[in-house]
Amino acid sequence: MAVYPKRFHTRRMGLPIYGALAKAVIATSKEAGIQPIPIADVGSSIGVFLSEIGKALKADRGMLVGVDYGEAVSENYISEGSTLFPHNLQSEEIPKIANGPFSVMTSWETAEHVHERYADKIVRMFSENLAPGGLLVFGAATPGQRGKHHVNCRPPTYWHDKFRKVGVIRNDRLTGIYRKELRLA
């Protein structure tokens, strides 16, 4: 989406939150009885989360796919074990993401950067690229949350309703496990 400059993306490297997110996703996947690969991270920036989960799982290249867009992302993408699938979320196209469908898809703090007119398209992109019975770990900024280019901050129920309409249902038990694992990491 080309929202942030190069400096924003490269400063993500080495932050402990990405290792914590990887551990929480792995633990939640296992609890759900899902192999956590292949995995796609939508709004992946330069691939720091995927690099962390790839190290933890010793995953083969191609099993980890980052979805993002912009020169700062493509020029600085961490290629260790993951592949960048360039896609502008503010386009009409619903892509079939390379190496999908995915048993796990993740997206943190991305959807609020995409204008509301593309919200249904993003939700369909997840539903069409997530394997049957797969796990979606999704979070977006809520109203009042500060940040650059926040154009679609919505309460969680907004996204829950949109996902429910395409058959992706919130699992409160797995949500609780994910949150607990993230606090422990």
Protein backbone atom coordinates (compact mmCIF):
# COMPACT_ATOMS: atom_id res chain seq x y z
CA MET A 1 0.00 0.00 0.00
CA ALA A 2 3.07 2.23 0.16
CA VAL A 3 1.88 3.97 3.32
CA TYR A 4 5.20 4.10 5.14
CA PRO A 5 8.73 5.06 4.03
CA LYS A 6 11.77 2.76 3.96
CA ARG A 7 12.88 3.82 7.46
CA PHE A 8 9.60 2.58 8.98
CA HIS A 9 9.99 -0.85 7.41
CA THR A 10 13.68 -1.38 8.17
CA ARG A 11 13.21 -0.35 11.82
CA ARG A 12 10.93 -3.41 12.27
CA MET A 13 13.92 -5.78 12.07
CA GLY A 14 14.95 -7.19 15.43
CA LEU A 15 11.86 -6.08 17.36
CA PRO A 16 10.89 -8.81 19.88
CA ILE A 17 7.17 -8.48 19.11
CA TYR A 18 7.62 -10.43 15.87
CA GLY A 19 9.07 -13.45 17.66
CA ALA A 20 6.21 -13.25 20.17
CA LEU A 21 3.64 -13.10 17.36
CA ALA A 22 5.26 -16.12 15.68
CA LYS A 23 5.14 -18.17 18.89
CA ALA A 24 1.50 -17.22 19.50
CA VAL A 25 0.45 -18.14 15.94
CA ILE A 26 2.28 -21.48 16.12
CA ALA A 27 0.74 -22.35 19.51
CA THR A 28 -2.77 -21.35 18.38
CA SER A 29 -2.41 -23.33 15.14
CA LYS A 30 -1.36 -26.43 17.06
CA GLU A 31 -4.24 -26.02 19.50
CA ALA A 32 -6.59 -25.85 16.51
CA GLY A 33 -5.03 -28.98 15.02
CA ILE A 34 -3.73 -27.03 12.03
CA GLN A 35 -0.25 -27.25 10.57
CA PRO A 36 0.89 -23.58 10.59
CA ILE A 37 2.32 -23.73 7.07
CA PRO A 38 1.74 -22.71 4.37
CA ILE A 39 1.13 -19.24 5.80
CA ALA A 40 0.45 -15.86 4.21
CA ASP A 41 0.90 -12.56 6.04
CA VAL A 42 -1.13 -9.74 4.47
CA GLY A 43 0.45 -6.35 5.09
CA SER A 44 3.75 -8.11 5.68
CA SER A 45 5.98 -5.06 5.35
CA ILE A 46 9.48 -6.40 4.70
CA GLY A 47 8.74 -9.88 6.06
CA VAL A 48 10.05 -9.70 9.63
CA PHE A 49 7.19 -11.78 11.11
CA LEU A 50 7.55 -14.38 8.36
CA SER A 51 11.28 -14.53 8.93
CA GLU A 52 10.64 -15.27 12.63
CA ILE A 53 8.01 -17.92 12.01
CA GLY A 54 10.19 -19.44 9.28
CA LYS A 55 13.09 -19.81 11.73
CA ALA A 56 10.82 -21.37 14.35
CA LEU A 57 9.30 -23.87 11.90
CA LYS A 58 12.34 -24.40 9.68
CA ALA A 59 9.97 -23.90 6.76
CA ASP A 60 10.89 -24.25 3.10
CA ARG A 61 10.89 -21.23 0.80
CA GLY A 62 7.49 -20.79 -0.78
CA MET A 63 5.62 -22.01 2.30
CA LEU A 64 5.76 -18.48 3.74
CA VAL A 65 4.29 -15.68 1.63
CA GLY A 66 4.18 -11.97 2.41
CA VAL A 67 1.55 -9.84 0.71
CA ASP A 68 2.36 -6.14 0.49
CA TYR A 69 3.05 -3.40 -1.97
CA GLY A 70 5.44 -0.52 -2.50
CA GLU A 71 9.00 0.27 -3.42
CA ALA A 72 10.20 0.45 0.20
CA VAL A 73 8.83 -3.05 0.79
CA SER A 74 10.12 -4.70 -2.37
CA GLU A 75 13.60 -3.17 -2.14
CA ASN A 76 14.10 -4.21 1.50
CA TYR A 77 12.20 -7.49 1.70
CA ILE A 78 13.86 -10.10 3.90
CA SER A 79 14.07 -13.11 1.62
CA GLU A 80 15.14 -15.67 4.22
CA GLY A 81 12.58 -18.41 3.81
CA SER A 82 9.72 -16.27 2.53
CA THR A 83 8.44 -14.94 -0.75
CA LEU A 84 6.92 -11.52 -1.45
CA PHE A 85 3.64 -11.51 -3.39
CA PRO A 86 3.21 -7.88 -4.47
CA HIS A 87 -0.41 -6.75 -4.30
CA ASN A 88 -2.02 -3.37 -3.72
CA LEU A 89 -4.96 -3.95 -1.37
CA GLN A 90 -6.62 -0.84 -2.80
CA SER A 91 -7.22 -2.41 -6.19
CA GLU A 92 -10.35 -4.09 -7.49
CA GLU A 93 -8.55 -7.39 -8.06
CA ILE A 94 -8.97 -10.29 -5.65
CA PRO A 95 -5.75 -12.21 -6.17
CA LYS A 96 -5.13 -15.90 -5.97
CA ILE A 97 -2.04 -15.62 -3.80
CA ALA A 98 0.90 -17.73 -4.97
CA ASN A 99 1.40 -21.03 -3.10
CA GLY A 100 -2.11 -20.94 -1.61
CA PRO A 101 -4.51 -21.92 -0.29
CA PHE A 102 -3.02 -21.29 3.14
CA SER A 103 -3.67 -23.17 6.35
CA VAL A 104 -2.93 -19.93 8.23
CA MET A 105 -3.31 -16.31 7.17
CA THR A 106 -2.35 -13.34 9.31
CA SER A 107 -2.87 -9.60 9.11
CA TRP A 108 -2.15 -7.07 11.81
CA GLU A 109 -2.75 -3.34 11.61
CA THR A 110 -3.30 -3.30 7.85
CA ALA A 111 -7.02 -3.11 7.02
CA GLU A 112 -7.45 0.32 8.61
CA HIS A 113 -5.13 1.73 5.93
CA VAL A 114 -7.47 0.60 3.14
CA HIS A 115 -10.47 2.72 2.17
CA GLU A 116 -13.86 1.30 3.17
CA ARG A 117 -14.87 0.73 -0.45
CA TYR A 118 -12.26 -2.09 -0.54
CA ALA A 119 -13.19 -3.67 2.81
CA ASP A 120 -15.44 -6.38 1.34
CA LYS A 121 -12.80 -7.15 -1.29
CA ILE A 122 -10.12 -7.66 1.38
CA VAL A 123 -12.41 -9.98 3.35
CA ARG A 124 -13.11 -12.00 0.19
CA MET A 125 -9.36 -12.15 -0.52
CA PHE A 126 -8.87 -13.85 2.85
CA SER A 127 -11.79 -16.23 2.41
CA GLU A 128 -10.74 -17.22 -1.11
CA ASN A 129 -7.09 -17.87 -0.15
CA LEU A 130 -7.63 -19.57 3.22
CA ALA A 131 -7.79 -23.36 3.09
CA PRO A 132 -11.01 -24.99 4.35
CA GLY A 133 -10.76 -25.23 8.13
CA GLY A 134 -7.82 -22.80 8.10
CA LEU A 135 -6.94 -20.22 10.74
CA LEU A 136 -7.13 -16.45 10.21
CA VAL A 137 -5.36 -14.23 12.75
CA PHE A 138 -6.61 -10.72 12.01
CA GLY A 139 -6.51 -7.38 13.79
CA ALA A 140 -7.18 -3.83 12.64
CA ALA A 141 -7.06 -0.45 14.35
CA THR A 142 -10.23 0.60 16.12
CA PRO A 143 -11.82 4.08 16.16
CA GLY A 144 -9.59 6.61 17.87
CA GLN A 145 -6.40 4.58 17.46
CA ARG A 146 -3.68 6.91 16.26
CA GLY A 147 -1.58 6.14 13.23
CA LYS A 148 -0.54 7.32 9.81
CA HIS A 149 -3.12 7.04 7.02
CA HIS A 150 -5.82 5.43 9.20
CA VAL A 151 -8.81 5.81 6.88
CA ASN A 152 -10.99 2.88 7.98
CA CYS A 153 -10.75 2.38 11.75
CA ARG A 154 -13.70 0.25 12.80
CA PRO A 155 -14.85 -1.65 15.89
CA PRO A 156 -14.06 -5.38 15.83
CA THR A 157 -17.73 -6.23 15.19
CA TYR A 158 -17.50 -4.48 11.80
CA TRP A 159 -14.86 -6.98 10.66
CA HIS A 160 -16.51 -9.95 12.43
CA ASP A 161 -19.74 -9.28 10.51
CA LYS A 162 -17.95 -8.99 7.17
CA PHE A 163 -16.00 -12.21 7.73
CA ARG A 164 -19.13 -14.05 8.90
CA LYS A 165 -20.85 -13.19 5.60
CA VAL A 166 -18.14 -15.09 3.67
CA GLY A 167 -18.05 -18.04 6.08
CA VAL A 168 -15.02 -17.09 8.20
CA ILE A 169 -16.26 -17.33 11.79
CA ARG A 170 -14.57 -15.96 14.91
CA ASN A 171 -13.51 -18.71 17.33
CA ASP A 172 -13.54 -17.27 20.84
CA ARG A 173 -11.65 -20.26 22.30
CA LEU A 174 -8.78 -19.90 19.82
CA THR A 175 -8.82 -16.11 20.22
CA GLY A 176 -8.34 -16.60 23.97
CA ILE A 177 -5.47 -19.04 23.42
CA TYR A 178 -3.77 -16.65 20.99
CA ARG A 179 -4.07 -13.73 23.41
CA LYS A 180 -2.79 -15.83 26.32
CA GLU A 181 0.19 -17.08 24.27
CA LEU A 182 1.01 -13.55 23.18
CA ARG A 183 1.02 -12.34 26.80
CA LEU A 184 3.32 -15.22 27.82
CA ALA A 185 5.83 -14.65 24.99
